[in-house]
Amino acid sequence: MSKYLLAIDQGTTSSRAIIFNQALQHIACAQQELTLSYPKPGWVEQNPELLWHSVQHCMLTAIQQAGLSANDIAGIGISNQRETTLIWHKGSGKTLYPAIVWQDRRTSAQCQLLKNAGLEPMLQQKTGLLADPYFSATKLAWLLDNVPHAREQAQRGELCFGTVDCYLLWCLTGGKVHATDASNASRTMLFNIHQQCWDDELLQLFNIPAPLLPQVRDNASHFGQTQSEILGNTIPVLSMIGDQQSALLGQACIEKGMGKSTYGTGCFVVVNTGTQVLNSQHKLLSTVGWRLAGKTTYALEGSIFMAGATVQWLRDKLGIIQHARDTEALARQSNYHQSELLIPAFTGLGAPYWQPGVQAALFGMTRNTGPAQLAAAALCSVAYQSRDLLCAMQQDGISIDSLRVDGGMTANYWFLQALADLSQTPVIRCHTSDATAFGAAFLAALQLGWFNQMADITALWQSDAQFSPGLAANTALALHQRWQRATTALIALNLSLSD
């Protein structure tokens, strides 16, 4: 009897595959970094074939590291970077254009036109989202309008649209299944989260041919079988879920009011709102958490575009660190009161500002500014942005007593203490930084009958470190107000320069 699960965690800057046993203990992991391309300012793209090959490589490597074969794998769960948009030929499976990554800003002007036309309230009511290039709809419309012959092929039913989960499922099943899940569908700005279906009015608004769209399924479902030649045997795909929703589940936030924050490429604070959609009045997003047996659990989300990606910028572009972990020792050489303040709007600003055209800036440089100050400024920028989101949630009536955290940045103790200090919120680190993969694995295990109910994940979740605020509340408030003034000034400056 097969006794293991394989969880795919396909992220923006890396792909991972993790093997779990029946108790959902981590057995083996393989990871491969991915590169992004930036063909024009504000554009972010990814090679879909390389993305798929990285997933294949990680799956095979993880199985080998665990000393297993495909025969030992009972099922596969998929979590993925969301909103990233792809189109491919139904016949050949070949993509027509690079994947347009969620961080891409090329459709900012189209989103502004939607706002100018007064359409954003309708979009928010139907989808829970705001008119921003972050989401898939305007990306897909751009592809249809700018890739030669794409629109004609789409209208003839020759093309498929999908987010990364959908594309991976297509590849895994050898083109036999074109399906997505409710959580990923809810991030396209084409899906009505109340009626749980593609919305004809939105398809008409964005001029999207309906034959392009995948079937939408529950998050735990039999999505199809892998082709035997990929891993050496056929394996059922039993769950698919967007990475941030998966982390919410992986952090055992299954009750209304529970929240988590994941610090990967970006930062995403997500709170479970139960069976009701909470319509934010402070520029947060309403989204599908998960849908099981046709019953939908919703969430409220604040999205920050640059978290770990800012640390990557220090490494890959400035060259002041060799590894992400180097920022901890550097930051300890400085403090919160340094003059340097980084606004990491490298791909615009997400919640609660939603300013896609703003560009990054470093304030307060002196002759003393060096690697330590830059590292501290980068880490503090993530903490300040997290406080922005927590404040917006509080204004929407949600108070988070403690924040469960996961993701690669949570290995950095200096950052976690800064997060607790500057946000004035106790921080609880998950026992695994793989909460995203853990959530997808749990759904697959649920589908297999290894667990009986969602509440079973509560007993599996553990914390391994806690951080309490050690900074006076009035000091943290003053520092955050300085951050807000700098951010407001940068937005005004960018707007004036664009006139």
Protein backbone atom coordinates (compact mmCIF):
# COMPACT_ATOMS: atom_id res chain seq x y z
CA MET A 1 0.00 0.00 0.00
CA SER A 2 1.31 3.45 -0.92
CA LYS A 3 2.02 5.38 2.26
CA TYR A 4 3.49 8.71 1.13
CA LEU A 5 2.36 11.97 -0.41
CA LEU A 6 4.23 14.27 -2.76
CA ALA A 7 3.50 17.98 -2.39
CA ILE A 8 4.52 20.40 -5.13
CA ASP A 9 5.17 23.95 -3.95
CA GLN A 10 5.67 25.93 -7.15
CA GLY A 11 6.72 29.45 -6.17
CA THR A 12 7.80 32.59 -7.98
CA THR A 13 11.53 32.13 -7.53
CA SER A 14 11.80 28.38 -6.93
CA SER A 15 10.04 25.06 -7.29
CA ARG A 16 10.02 22.52 -4.49
CA ALA A 17 8.78 18.99 -4.01
CA ILE A 18 8.34 17.56 -0.52
CA ILE A 19 7.59 13.99 0.54
CA PHE A 20 5.32 13.49 3.55
CA ASN A 21 4.44 10.27 5.36
CA GLN A 22 0.94 9.33 6.58
CA ALA A 23 1.42 11.40 9.74
CA LEU A 24 2.33 14.34 7.47
CA GLN A 25 5.89 14.37 8.68
CA HIS A 26 8.44 15.83 6.28
CA ILE A 27 10.60 13.02 4.82
CA ALA A 28 12.53 14.60 1.94
CA CYS A 29 12.67 17.85 -0.02
CA ALA A 30 14.16 18.99 -3.31
CA GLN A 31 14.31 22.58 -4.49
CA GLN A 32 15.45 24.38 -7.64
CA GLU A 33 15.69 28.14 -8.09
CA LEU A 34 14.03 29.84 -11.04
CA THR A 35 14.95 33.02 -12.85
CA LEU A 36 12.63 35.83 -13.81
CA SER A 37 13.08 38.10 -16.80
CA TYR A 38 12.33 41.81 -17.00
CA PRO A 39 12.06 42.67 -20.71
CA LYS A 40 10.72 46.18 -20.03
CA PRO A 41 10.30 48.35 -16.93
CA GLY A 42 7.43 46.92 -14.91
CA TRP A 43 7.29 43.68 -16.91
CA VAL A 44 8.00 40.36 -15.16
CA GLU A 45 8.04 37.09 -17.11
CA GLN A 46 8.96 33.45 -16.63
CA ASN A 47 9.76 30.60 -19.00
CA PRO A 48 6.86 28.10 -18.64
CA GLU A 49 8.79 25.12 -19.99
CA LEU A 50 11.67 25.73 -17.55
CA LEU A 51 9.12 26.07 -14.77
CA TRP A 52 7.62 22.69 -15.66
CA HIS A 53 11.04 21.06 -16.01
CA SER A 54 12.01 22.37 -12.56
CA VAL A 55 8.92 20.75 -11.06
CA GLN A 56 9.74 17.45 -12.78
CA HIS A 57 13.32 17.60 -11.52
CA CYS A 58 12.23 18.33 -7.94
CA MET A 59 9.66 15.53 -7.90
CA LEU A 60 12.12 12.93 -9.14
CA THR A 61 14.88 14.15 -6.83
CA ALA A 62 12.66 14.18 -3.73
CA ILE A 63 11.42 10.65 -4.42
CA GLN A 64 15.00 9.49 -4.90
CA GLN A 65 16.21 11.24 -1.72
CA ALA A 66 13.44 9.52 0.26
CA GLY A 67 14.56 6.15 -1.09
CA LEU A 68 11.15 5.61 -2.66
CA SER A 69 9.67 4.93 -6.06
CA ALA A 70 6.53 6.26 -7.71
CA ASN A 71 4.73 3.11 -6.52
CA ASP A 72 5.10 4.38 -2.94
CA ILE A 73 3.33 7.69 -3.63
CA ALA A 74 -0.40 7.60 -2.89
CA GLY A 75 -1.13 11.03 -4.30
CA ILE A 76 0.08 14.50 -5.25
CA GLY A 77 -0.96 17.87 -3.84
CA ILE A 78 -0.16 21.13 -5.64
CA SER A 79 0.27 24.63 -4.22
CA ASN A 80 1.38 27.41 -6.52
CA GLN A 81 2.18 31.05 -7.11
CA ARG A 82 -1.14 32.68 -7.95
CA GLU A 83 -2.35 35.08 -10.68
CA THR A 84 0.60 34.26 -12.98
CA THR A 85 -0.99 33.86 -16.42
CA LEU A 86 -0.32 31.40 -19.26
CA ILE A 87 -1.92 30.40 -22.54
CA TRP A 88 -1.05 27.29 -24.54
CA HIS A 89 -2.21 25.23 -27.52
CA LYS A 90 -4.67 22.47 -26.70
CA GLY A 91 -3.14 20.17 -29.28
CA SER A 92 0.58 20.52 -28.62
CA GLY A 93 0.61 21.96 -25.10
CA LYS A 94 3.13 24.55 -26.31
CA THR A 95 2.82 27.95 -24.67
CA LEU A 96 2.36 30.96 -26.94
CA TYR A 97 4.23 33.43 -24.76
CA PRO A 98 6.21 33.49 -21.50
CA ALA A 99 4.20 33.30 -18.30
CA ILE A 100 3.22 36.81 -17.19
CA VAL A 101 4.10 36.79 -13.49
CA TRP A 102 1.77 38.16 -10.80
CA GLN A 103 4.22 41.00 -10.10
CA ASP A 104 3.94 42.27 -13.70
CA ARG A 105 2.66 45.85 -14.09
CA ARG A 106 2.20 46.12 -17.88
CA THR A 107 -1.59 46.49 -17.67
CA SER A 108 -1.58 49.39 -15.20
CA ALA A 109 -3.11 51.76 -17.76
CA GLN A 110 -5.97 49.36 -18.50
CA CYS A 111 -6.69 49.03 -14.78
CA GLN A 112 -6.75 52.80 -14.42
CA LEU A 113 -9.30 52.97 -17.24
CA LEU A 114 -11.50 50.53 -15.31
CA LYS A 115 -11.29 52.77 -12.26
CA ASN A 116 -11.99 55.90 -14.30
CA ALA A 117 -15.07 54.21 -15.74
CA GLY A 118 -16.38 53.53 -12.23
CA LEU A 119 -16.16 49.76 -12.64
CA GLU A 120 -14.03 48.92 -9.61
CA PRO A 121 -16.98 48.64 -7.15
CA MET A 122 -18.64 46.11 -9.47
CA LEU A 123 -15.38 44.16 -9.78
CA GLN A 124 -14.92 44.14 -6.02
CA GLN A 125 -18.51 43.06 -5.39
CA LYS A 126 -18.30 40.10 -7.78
CA THR A 127 -14.70 38.98 -7.26
CA GLY A 128 -13.53 40.49 -3.96
CA LEU A 129 -10.61 42.04 -5.86
CA LEU A 130 -9.58 45.54 -6.90
CA ALA A 131 -8.75 46.82 -10.38
CA ASP A 132 -5.03 46.10 -10.38
CA PRO A 133 -2.61 44.46 -12.85
CA TYR A 134 -1.78 41.95 -10.09
CA PHE A 135 -4.71 39.77 -11.16
CA SER A 136 -5.02 37.54 -14.21
CA ALA A 137 -7.85 39.14 -16.22
CA THR A 138 -5.97 42.08 -17.71
CA LYS A 139 -2.89 39.90 -18.26
CA LEU A 140 -4.97 37.42 -20.26
CA ALA A 141 -6.61 40.22 -22.25
CA TRP A 142 -3.14 41.60 -23.04
CA LEU A 143 -1.99 38.20 -24.30
CA LEU A 144 -5.02 37.84 -26.56
CA ASP A 145 -4.53 41.34 -27.96
CA ASN A 146 -0.75 41.24 -28.40
CA VAL A 147 0.26 37.68 -29.29
CA PRO A 148 -0.23 37.20 -33.06
CA HIS A 149 -3.37 35.19 -33.92
CA ALA A 150 -4.07 34.39 -30.25
CA ARG A 151 -7.55 35.86 -30.17
CA GLU A 152 -8.64 34.08 -33.35
CA GLN A 153 -7.26 30.77 -32.05
CA ALA A 154 -8.98 31.31 -28.69
CA GLN A 155 -12.32 31.97 -30.34
CA ARG A 156 -11.95 28.73 -32.30
CA GLY A 157 -11.40 26.85 -29.03
CA GLU A 158 -7.79 25.96 -29.84
CA LEU A 159 -6.16 27.53 -26.76
CA CYS A 160 -6.18 27.03 -23.00
CA PHE A 161 -5.78 29.67 -20.31
CA GLY A 162 -4.53 28.76 -16.89
CA THR A 163 -2.76 29.88 -13.78
CA VAL A 164 0.27 27.84 -12.72
CA ASP A 165 -1.75 25.12 -10.97
CA CYS A 166 -3.79 24.57 -14.13
CA TYR A 167 -0.70 24.48 -16.36
CA LEU A 168 1.06 21.97 -14.09
CA LEU A 169 -2.02 19.74 -14.05
CA TRP A 170 -2.14 19.86 -17.85
CA CYS A 171 1.53 18.85 -18.02
CA LEU A 172 1.22 16.14 -15.37
CA THR A 173 -1.79 14.53 -17.07
CA GLY A 174 -0.36 14.78 -20.56
CA GLY A 175 -2.98 17.30 -21.64
CA LYS A 176 -5.94 15.19 -20.53
CA VAL A 177 -7.24 17.58 -17.86
CA HIS A 178 -7.86 21.32 -18.14
CA ALA A 179 -9.00 22.28 -14.64
CA THR A 180 -8.24 24.66 -11.82
CA ASP A 181 -9.45 24.96 -8.24
CA ALA A 182 -11.72 27.50 -6.56
CA SER A 183 -8.92 29.31 -4.69
CA ASN A 184 -6.88 29.97 -7.82
CA ALA A 185 -9.96 30.83 -9.87
CA SER A 186 -10.83 33.48 -7.30
CA ARG A 187 -7.59 35.34 -8.13
CA THR A 188 -8.29 35.80 -11.83
CA MET A 189 -10.85 38.66 -11.57
CA LEU A 190 -13.09 36.56 -13.83
CA PHE A 191 -14.65 34.36 -11.14
CA ASN A 192 -17.75 35.27 -9.15
CA ILE A 193 -16.87 34.24 -5.60
CA HIS A 194 -20.53 34.34 -4.48
CA GLN A 195 -21.94 32.18 -7.27
CA GLN A 196 -18.73 30.12 -7.54
CA CYS A 197 -18.53 30.23 -11.32
CA TRP A 198 -16.95 32.13 -14.19
CA ASP A 199 -18.89 35.37 -14.60
CA ASP A 200 -20.34 36.09 -18.05
CA GLU A 201 -20.43 39.86 -17.44
CA LEU A 202 -16.73 39.88 -16.55
CA LEU A 203 -15.82 37.73 -19.56
CA GLN A 204 -17.61 40.26 -21.74
CA LEU A 205 -15.93 43.21 -20.00
CA PHE A 206 -12.43 41.79 -20.58
CA ASN A 207 -13.34 40.26 -23.95
CA ILE A 208 -12.32 36.75 -22.88
CA PRO A 209 -13.67 33.81 -24.98
CA ALA A 210 -15.29 31.29 -22.63
CA PRO A 211 -13.70 28.21 -24.34
CA LEU A 212 -10.32 29.34 -22.98
CA LEU A 213 -11.32 28.74 -19.38
CA PRO A 214 -10.66 25.63 -17.27
CA GLN A 215 -13.21 23.73 -15.24
CA VAL A 216 -13.27 24.86 -11.58
CA ARG A 217 -13.17 22.10 -8.95
CA ASP A 218 -13.06 21.79 -5.17
CA ASN A 219 -9.61 22.04 -3.59
CA ALA A 220 -9.63 18.37 -2.60
CA SER A 221 -10.72 16.39 -5.61
CA HIS A 222 -9.55 13.71 -8.01
CA PHE A 223 -7.99 16.01 -10.60
CA GLY A 224 -6.57 13.24 -12.77
CA GLN A 225 -3.66 10.82 -13.12
CA THR A 226 -0.07 11.65 -13.99
CA GLN A 227 1.39 10.19 -17.14
CA SER A 228 3.39 7.10 -16.16
CA GLU A 229 6.50 8.22 -18.03
CA ILE A 230 6.88 11.34 -15.85
CA LEU A 231 7.61 9.58 -12.53
CA GLY A 232 7.58 5.90 -13.46
CA ASN A 233 3.97 5.17 -12.58
CA THR A 234 0.59 6.87 -12.64
CA ILE A 235 -0.19 8.86 -9.48
CA PRO A 236 -3.46 10.68 -8.75
CA VAL A 237 -3.43 14.45 -8.28
CA LEU A 238 -5.69 14.91 -5.25
CA SER A 239 -5.46 18.57 -4.29
CA MET A 240 -4.71 21.98 -5.77
CA ILE A 241 -4.72 25.27 -3.87
CA GLY A 242 -3.15 28.72 -4.19
CA ASP A 243 -0.03 29.08 -2.09
CA GLN A 244 -1.37 31.66 0.38
CA GLN A 245 -4.62 29.81 0.97
CA SER A 246 -2.58 26.65 1.40
CA ALA A 247 -0.41 28.35 4.03
CA LEU A 248 -3.55 29.53 5.85
CA LEU A 249 -4.63 25.90 6.05
CA GLY A 250 -1.10 24.69 6.79
CA GLN A 251 -1.02 27.08 9.75
CA ALA A 252 -4.25 25.43 11.00
CA CYS A 253 -6.19 28.69 10.68
CA ILE A 254 -9.43 26.81 10.13
CA GLU A 255 -11.59 28.90 12.46
CA LYS A 256 -13.06 32.30 11.66
CA GLY A 257 -10.75 35.12 12.82
CA MET A 258 -7.51 33.12 12.72
CA GLY A 259 -4.74 34.58 10.56
CA LYS A 260 -1.25 33.98 9.25
CA SER A 261 1.46 35.83 7.36
CA THR A 262 3.74 34.13 4.86
CA TYR A 263 7.11 35.71 4.03
CA GLY A 264 8.29 34.35 0.71
CA THR A 265 8.88 36.34 -2.46
CA GLY A 266 6.08 38.63 -1.27
CA CYS A 267 4.23 38.86 2.03
CA PHE A 268 0.59 37.86 2.42
CA VAL A 269 -1.43 38.36 5.57
CA VAL A 270 -4.57 36.22 5.33
CA VAL A 271 -7.42 35.85 7.84
CA ASN A 272 -10.16 33.22 7.77
CA THR A 273 -13.60 34.91 7.57
CA GLY A 274 -15.67 31.73 7.59
CA THR A 275 -18.61 31.19 5.27
CA GLN A 276 -19.20 34.92 4.76
CA VAL A 277 -17.47 37.28 2.34
CA LEU A 278 -16.13 40.30 4.22
CA ASN A 279 -16.13 43.30 1.89
CA SER A 280 -13.15 45.40 2.90
CA GLN A 281 -13.55 49.16 3.16
CA HIS A 282 -9.78 49.63 3.44
CA LYS A 283 -8.44 48.16 0.21
CA LEU A 284 -7.94 44.59 1.31
CA LEU A 285 -9.05 41.62 -0.80
CA SER A 286 -11.86 39.14 -0.25
CA THR A 287 -10.95 35.74 -1.62
CA VAL A 288 -11.81 32.06 -1.54
CA GLY A 289 -9.86 30.28 1.17
CA TRP A 290 -10.87 26.80 0.08
CA ARG A 291 -13.90 24.94 -1.19
CA LEU A 292 -14.58 21.40 0.01
CA ALA A 293 -17.60 19.30 -0.90
CA GLY A 294 -19.08 22.41 -2.46
CA LYS A 295 -18.85 24.45 0.77
CA THR A 296 -16.73 27.59 0.53
CA THR A 297 -14.59 29.13 3.27
CA TYR A 298 -13.59 32.73 2.56
CA ALA A 299 -10.65 34.87 3.64
CA LEU A 300 -9.54 38.49 3.83
CA GLU A 301 -6.08 39.17 2.44
CA GLY A 302 -3.49 41.90 2.34
CA SER A 303 -0.82 41.47 -0.34
CA ILE A 304 2.71 42.89 -0.29
CA PHE A 305 4.68 42.38 -3.49
CA MET A 306 8.26 42.59 -2.13
CA ALA A 307 9.39 40.69 0.96
CA GLY A 308 12.02 38.00 0.36
CA ALA A 309 12.38 39.47 -3.14
CA THR A 310 13.87 42.58 -1.51
CA VAL A 311 16.52 40.41 0.14
CA GLN A 312 17.17 38.81 -3.26
CA TRP A 313 17.73 42.31 -4.63
CA LEU A 314 20.43 42.87 -2.00
CA ARG A 315 22.07 39.61 -3.09
CA ASP A 316 21.61 39.56 -6.87
CA LYS A 317 21.71 43.24 -7.82
CA LEU A 318 23.72 45.00 -5.11
CA GLY A 319 25.94 42.04 -4.24
CA ILE A 320 26.23 43.03 -0.57
CA ILE A 321 25.31 39.52 0.63
CA GLN A 322 26.02 36.05 -0.66
CA HIS A 323 23.09 34.35 1.04
CA ALA A 324 19.75 35.59 2.35
CA ARG A 325 20.76 34.54 5.87
CA ASP A 326 23.63 37.07 5.78
CA THR A 327 21.13 39.89 6.37
CA GLU A 328 20.65 38.82 10.00
CA ALA A 329 24.24 39.46 11.08
CA LEU A 330 24.34 42.70 9.08
CA ALA A 331 21.09 44.04 10.51
CA ARG A 332 22.33 43.44 14.06
CA GLN A 333 24.97 46.11 13.38
CA SER A 334 22.24 48.75 12.98
CA ASN A 335 18.87 49.55 14.63
CA TYR A 336 15.30 50.67 13.97
CA HIS A 337 16.24 54.34 14.47
CA GLN A 338 18.70 54.51 11.59
CA SER A 339 18.03 57.29 9.08
CA GLU A 340 17.84 54.91 6.11
CA LEU A 341 14.32 53.91 5.07
CA LEU A 342 13.65 51.67 2.06
CA ILE A 343 10.30 51.76 0.24
CA PRO A 344 10.60 48.56 -1.84
CA ALA A 345 8.17 49.47 -4.63
CA PHE A 346 10.20 47.56 -7.20
CA THR A 347 6.97 46.27 -8.75
CA GLY A 348 4.65 48.98 -7.49
CA LEU A 349 2.91 48.99 -4.12
CA GLY A 350 0.26 46.47 -3.14
CA ALA A 351 -2.19 46.68 -0.23
CA PRO A 352 -3.33 48.98 1.18
CA TYR A 353 -1.93 51.54 -1.30
CA TRP A 354 -2.50 49.82 -4.67
CA GLN A 355 -0.15 52.07 -6.62
CA PRO A 356 1.19 49.97 -9.53
CA GLY A 357 3.17 52.85 -11.05
CA VAL A 358 5.23 53.78 -7.99
CA GLN A 359 8.93 52.94 -8.06
CA ALA A 360 11.25 52.07 -5.18
CA ALA A 361 13.28 54.61 -3.21
CA LEU A 362 15.82 54.74 -0.40
CA PHE A 363 15.47 57.70 1.94
CA GLY A 364 17.91 59.05 4.52
CA MET A 365 21.27 58.01 3.07
CA THR A 366 24.41 59.43 4.67
CA ARG A 367 28.14 58.87 4.26
CA ASN A 368 27.71 56.14 6.86
CA THR A 369 25.21 54.19 4.76
CA GLY A 370 26.54 50.73 4.00
CA PRO A 371 25.56 47.06 3.86
CA ALA A 372 24.35 46.93 7.49
CA GLN A 373 21.99 49.87 7.04
CA LEU A 374 20.67 48.52 3.74
CA ALA A 375 20.03 45.09 5.24
CA ALA A 376 18.21 46.59 8.23
CA ALA A 377 16.19 48.89 5.96
CA ALA A 378 15.18 45.94 3.75
CA LEU A 379 14.03 43.79 6.68
CA CYS A 380 12.26 46.68 8.42
CA SER A 381 10.41 47.52 5.20
CA VAL A 382 8.70 44.14 5.38
CA ALA A 383 7.76 44.68 9.02
CA TYR A 384 6.37 48.15 8.29
CA GLN A 385 4.32 46.85 5.37
CA SER A 386 2.99 44.07 7.59
CA ARG A 387 1.84 46.69 10.10
CA ASP A 388 0.12 48.54 7.24
CA LEU A 389 -1.92 45.41 6.56
CA LEU A 390 -2.71 44.68 10.20
CA CYS A 391 -3.92 48.28 10.66
CA ALA A 392 -6.18 47.98 7.59
CA MET A 393 -7.61 44.74 8.94
CA GLN A 394 -8.25 46.37 12.31
CA GLN A 395 -10.09 49.19 10.54
CA ASP A 396 -12.19 46.51 8.81
CA GLY A 397 -13.13 45.13 12.21
CA ILE A 398 -10.64 42.26 12.45
CA SER A 399 -8.22 42.25 15.36
CA ILE A 400 -5.38 39.73 15.27
CA ASP A 401 -4.08 38.88 18.74
CA SER A 402 -1.07 36.98 17.39
CA LEU A 403 0.39 36.35 13.98
CA ARG A 404 1.34 32.86 12.83
CA VAL A 405 4.22 33.16 10.38
CA ASP A 406 5.98 30.93 7.87
CA GLY A 407 8.11 31.20 4.74
CA GLY A 408 11.81 31.50 4.02
CA MET A 409 12.29 34.84 5.79
CA THR A 410 11.16 33.34 9.10
CA ALA A 411 14.56 31.69 9.50
CA ASN A 412 15.84 35.21 10.32
CA TYR A 413 15.46 35.85 14.07
CA TRP A 414 16.34 39.55 13.78
CA PHE A 415 13.52 40.01 11.28
CA LEU A 416 10.98 38.15 13.42
CA GLN A 417 11.81 40.30 16.46
CA ALA A 418 11.60 43.42 14.29
CA LEU A 419 8.22 42.22 13.04
CA ALA A 420 6.93 41.79 16.60
CA ASP A 421 8.43 45.11 17.73
CA LEU A 422 7.34 47.29 14.82
CA SER A 423 3.88 45.74 14.38
CA GLN A 424 3.29 45.49 18.15
CA THR A 425 1.91 42.00 17.57
CA PRO A 426 3.15 38.71 19.08
CA VAL A 427 4.68 36.54 16.38
CA ILE A 428 4.45 32.74 16.43
CA ARG A 429 6.61 30.79 14.01
CA CYS A 430 5.29 27.56 12.58
CA HIS A 431 7.28 24.40 13.27
CA THR A 432 7.91 24.18 9.54
CA SER A 433 8.67 26.87 7.01
CA ASP A 434 6.88 24.56 4.54
CA ALA A 435 3.36 25.49 5.69
CA THR A 436 2.36 26.03 2.06
CA ALA A 437 3.27 22.49 1.00
CA PHE A 438 1.88 21.17 4.29
CA GLY A 439 -1.56 22.59 3.51
CA ALA A 440 -1.66 21.01 0.05
CA ALA A 441 -0.49 17.69 1.50
CA PHE A 442 -3.21 17.77 4.15
CA LEU A 443 -5.90 18.28 1.52
CA ALA A 444 -4.56 15.32 -0.46
CA ALA A 445 -4.52 13.22 2.72
CA LEU A 446 -8.10 14.30 3.41
CA GLN A 447 -9.10 13.20 -0.09
CA LEU A 448 -7.43 9.82 0.53
CA GLY A 449 -9.29 9.35 3.81
CA TRP A 450 -6.13 9.49 5.93
CA PHE A 451 -7.89 12.22 7.92
CA ASN A 452 -11.61 12.60 8.51
CA GLN A 453 -12.16 16.33 8.94
CA MET A 454 -10.51 19.73 8.64
CA ALA A 455 -10.17 19.97 12.43
CA ASP A 456 -7.64 17.13 12.31
CA ILE A 457 -4.96 19.58 11.13
CA THR A 458 -5.09 21.39 14.48
CA ALA A 459 -3.36 18.50 16.24
CA LEU A 460 -0.62 18.47 13.58
CA TRP A 461 0.29 22.16 13.89
CA GLN A 462 3.04 23.24 16.28
CA SER A 463 5.01 26.40 16.99
CA ASP A 464 8.76 26.34 17.46
CA ALA A 465 9.49 29.98 18.38
CA GLN A 466 7.60 32.99 19.71
CA PHE A 467 8.51 36.66 19.68
CA SER A 468 6.85 39.29 21.87
CA PRO A 469 7.03 43.05 21.25
CA GLY A 470 9.97 44.51 23.16
CA LEU A 471 9.64 48.05 21.86
CA ALA A 472 7.52 50.70 23.54
CA ALA A 473 4.20 51.14 21.74
CA ASN A 474 4.66 54.90 21.27
CA THR A 475 8.11 54.36 19.77
CA ALA A 476 6.80 51.75 17.34
CA LEU A 477 3.95 54.10 16.39
CA ALA A 478 6.34 56.99 15.72
CA LEU A 479 8.56 54.78 13.54
CA HIS A 480 5.55 53.53 11.58
CA GLN A 481 4.26 57.09 11.10
CA ARG A 482 7.65 58.01 9.63
CA TRP A 483 7.29 55.06 7.25
CA GLN A 484 3.81 56.20 6.25
CA ARG A 485 4.98 59.77 5.61
CA ALA A 486 7.81 58.51 3.42
CA THR A 487 5.48 56.20 1.49
CA THR A 488 2.91 58.96 0.97
CA ALA A 489 5.65 61.34 -0.20
CA LEU A 490 7.00 58.75 -2.63
CA ILE A 491 3.56 58.13 -4.11
CA ALA A 492 3.04 61.88 -4.57
CA LEU A 493 6.49 62.25 -6.15
CA ASN A 494 5.89 59.42 -8.60
CA LEU A 495 2.50 60.80 -9.55
CA SER A 496 3.95 64.26 -10.16
CA LEU A 497 6.78 62.84 -12.28
CA SER A 498 4.32 60.85 -14.40
CA ASP A 499 2.21 63.92 -15.25
